C-alpha atoms as a PDB file:
ATOM      1  CA  MET A   1      -9.289  45.478  23.087  1.00  0.00           C
ATOM      2  CA  PHE A   2     -11.917  42.687  22.514  1.00  0.00           C
ATOM      3  CA  ALA A   3     -12.731  42.294  26.207  1.00  0.00           C
ATOM      4  CA  ASN A   4     -16.226  43.811  25.792  1.00  0.00           C
ATOM      5  CA  LEU A   5     -17.123  41.862  22.689  1.00  0.00           C
ATOM      6  CA  ASN A   6     -20.116  39.703  23.314  1.00  0.00           C
ATOM      7  CA  GLY A   7     -22.336  37.502  21.096  1.00  0.00           C
ATOM      8  CA  TRP A   8     -24.462  40.245  19.828  1.00  0.00           C
ATOM      9  CA  HIS A   9     -21.376  42.375  18.693  1.00  0.00           C
ATOM     10  CA  ALA A  10     -20.016  39.208  16.942  1.00  0.00           C
ATOM     11  CA  LEU A  11     -23.283  38.575  15.257  1.00  0.00           C
ATOM     12  CA  ILE A  12     -23.478  42.196  13.994  1.00  0.00           C
ATOM     13  CA  ILE A  13     -19.882  42.045  12.718  1.00  0.00           C
ATOM     14  CA  VAL A  14     -20.767  38.787  10.790  1.00  0.00           C
ATOM     15  CA  ALA A  15     -23.823  40.463   9.287  1.00  0.00           C
ATOM     16  CA  ILE A  16     -21.834  43.506   8.228  1.00  0.00           C
ATOM     17  CA  ILE A  17     -19.254  41.281   6.502  1.00  0.00           C
ATOM     18  CA  LEU A  18     -21.985  39.286   4.735  1.00  0.00           C
ATOM     19  CA  LEU A  19     -23.554  42.543   3.515  1.00  0.00           C
ATOM     20  CA  LEU A  20     -20.173  43.970   2.203  1.00  0.00           C
ATOM     21  CA  PHE A  21     -18.890  40.772   0.404  1.00  0.00           C
ATOM     22  CA  GLY A  22     -21.766  38.617  -0.139  1.00  0.00           C
ATOM     23  CA  ALA A  23     -22.191  34.993   0.845  1.00  0.00           C
ATOM     24  CA  PRO A  24     -20.790  33.576  -2.444  1.00  0.00           C
ATOM     25  CA  LYS A  25     -17.477  35.557  -2.204  1.00  0.00           C
ATOM     26  CA  ILE A  26     -16.567  34.656   1.432  1.00  0.00           C
ATOM     27  CA  PRO A  27     -15.391  31.031   0.713  1.00  0.00           C
ATOM     28  CA  ALA A  28     -13.157  32.432  -2.122  1.00  0.00           C
ATOM     29  CA  LEU A  29     -11.817  35.089   0.247  1.00  0.00           C
ATOM     30  CA  ALA A  30     -10.985  32.526   2.896  1.00  0.00           C
ATOM     31  CA  LYS A  31      -9.290  30.281   0.283  1.00  0.00           C
ATOM     32  CA  SER A  32      -7.142  33.058  -0.955  1.00  0.00           C
ATOM     33  CA  LEU A  33      -6.245  34.122   2.576  1.00  0.00           C
ATOM     34  CA  GLY A  34      -5.296  30.504   3.347  1.00  0.00           C
ATOM     35  CA  GLN A  35      -3.087  30.302   0.349  1.00  0.00           C
ATOM     36  CA  SER A  36      -1.379  33.583   1.126  1.00  0.00           C
ATOM     37  CA  MET A  37      -0.599  32.361   4.680  1.00  0.00           C
ATOM     38  CA  ARG A  38       0.763  29.202   3.297  1.00  0.00           C
ATOM     39  CA  ILE A  39       3.062  30.942   0.867  1.00  0.00           C
ATOM     40  CA  PHE A  40       4.260  33.217   3.514  1.00  0.00           C
ATOM     41  CA  LYS A  41       4.943  30.548   5.895  1.00  0.00           C
ATOM     42  CA  ASN A  42       6.968  28.605   3.221  1.00  0.00           C
ATOM     43  CA  GLU A  43       8.864  31.654   2.430  1.00  0.00           C
ATOM     44  CA  VAL A  44       9.824  32.578   5.938  1.00  0.00           C
ATOM     45  CA  LYS A  45      10.571  28.984   7.098  1.00  0.00           C
ATOM     46  CA  PRO A  46      13.846  28.445   5.229  1.00  0.00           C
ATOM     47  CA  GLU A  47      15.287  31.692   6.586  1.00  0.00           C
ATOM     48  CA  LEU A  48      14.418  30.849  10.172  1.00  0.00           C
ATOM     49  CA  SER A  49      15.698  27.295  10.004  1.00  0.00           C
ATOM     50  CA  GLY A  50      18.901  28.371   8.243  1.00  0.00           C
ATOM     51  CA  ARG A  51      20.011  30.600  11.033  1.00  0.00           C
ATOM     52  CA  ASP A  52      19.372  28.219  14.011  1.00  0.00           C
ATOM     53  CA  GLU A  53      21.037  25.110  12.625  1.00  0.00           C
ATOM     54  CA  ALA A  54      24.456  24.240  11.492  1.00  0.00           C
ATOM     55  CA  PRO A  55      24.844  22.810   7.976  1.00  0.00           C
ATOM     56  CA  GLU A  56      24.492  18.997   7.872  1.00  0.00           C
ATOM     57  CA  ALA A  57      27.400  16.874   6.814  1.00  0.00           C
ATOM     58  CA  PRO A  58      26.740  14.231   4.174  1.00  0.00           C
ATOM     59  CA  ALA A  59      25.697  10.945   5.533  1.00  0.00           C
ATOM     60  CA  PRO A  60      28.422   8.241   5.239  1.00  0.00           C
ATOM     61  CA  PRO A  61      27.767   5.501   2.711  1.00  0.00           C
ATOM     62  CA  ALA A  62      26.022   2.319   3.885  1.00  0.00           C
ATOM     63  CA  PRO A  63      28.261  -0.541   4.593  1.00  0.00           C
ATOM     64  CA  THR A  64      28.112  -3.350   2.003  1.00  0.00           C
ATOM     65  CA  ALA A  65      27.719  -6.989   3.033  1.00  0.00           C
ATOM     66  CA  PRO A  66      30.650  -9.116   2.086  1.00  0.00           C
ATOM     67  CA  SER A  67      29.932 -11.478  -0.826  1.00  0.00           C
ATOM     68  CA  ALA A  68      30.153 -15.198  -0.397  1.00  0.00           C
ATOM     69  CA  PRO A  69      33.006 -16.854  -2.336  1.00  0.00           C
ATOM     70  CA  ALA A  70      32.115 -18.350  -5.523  1.00  0.00           C
ATOM     71  CA  ALA A  71      32.014 -22.157  -6.105  1.00  0.00           C
ATOM     72  CA  SER A  72      34.901 -21.961  -8.658  1.00  0.00           C
ATOM     73  CA  GLU A  73      37.319 -20.344  -6.112  1.00  0.00           C
ATOM     74  CA  ARG A  74      37.218 -23.395  -3.703  1.00  0.00           C
END
């Protein structure tokens, strides 16, 4: 589809985008697009990870070190 796209075509497309949206609005559009993609990725991620993995068992408690006998017990 984009096999015949060369430098001049890309330059013309960028110029049209600048004319349509204006230079000040382009960073705001990019920021909102990035936030939307991040939200979408975070919403899809739990659904995908939940299907592939088995539920994790809780970790066993850590062993405790035995305490030294008190001096009064000797």
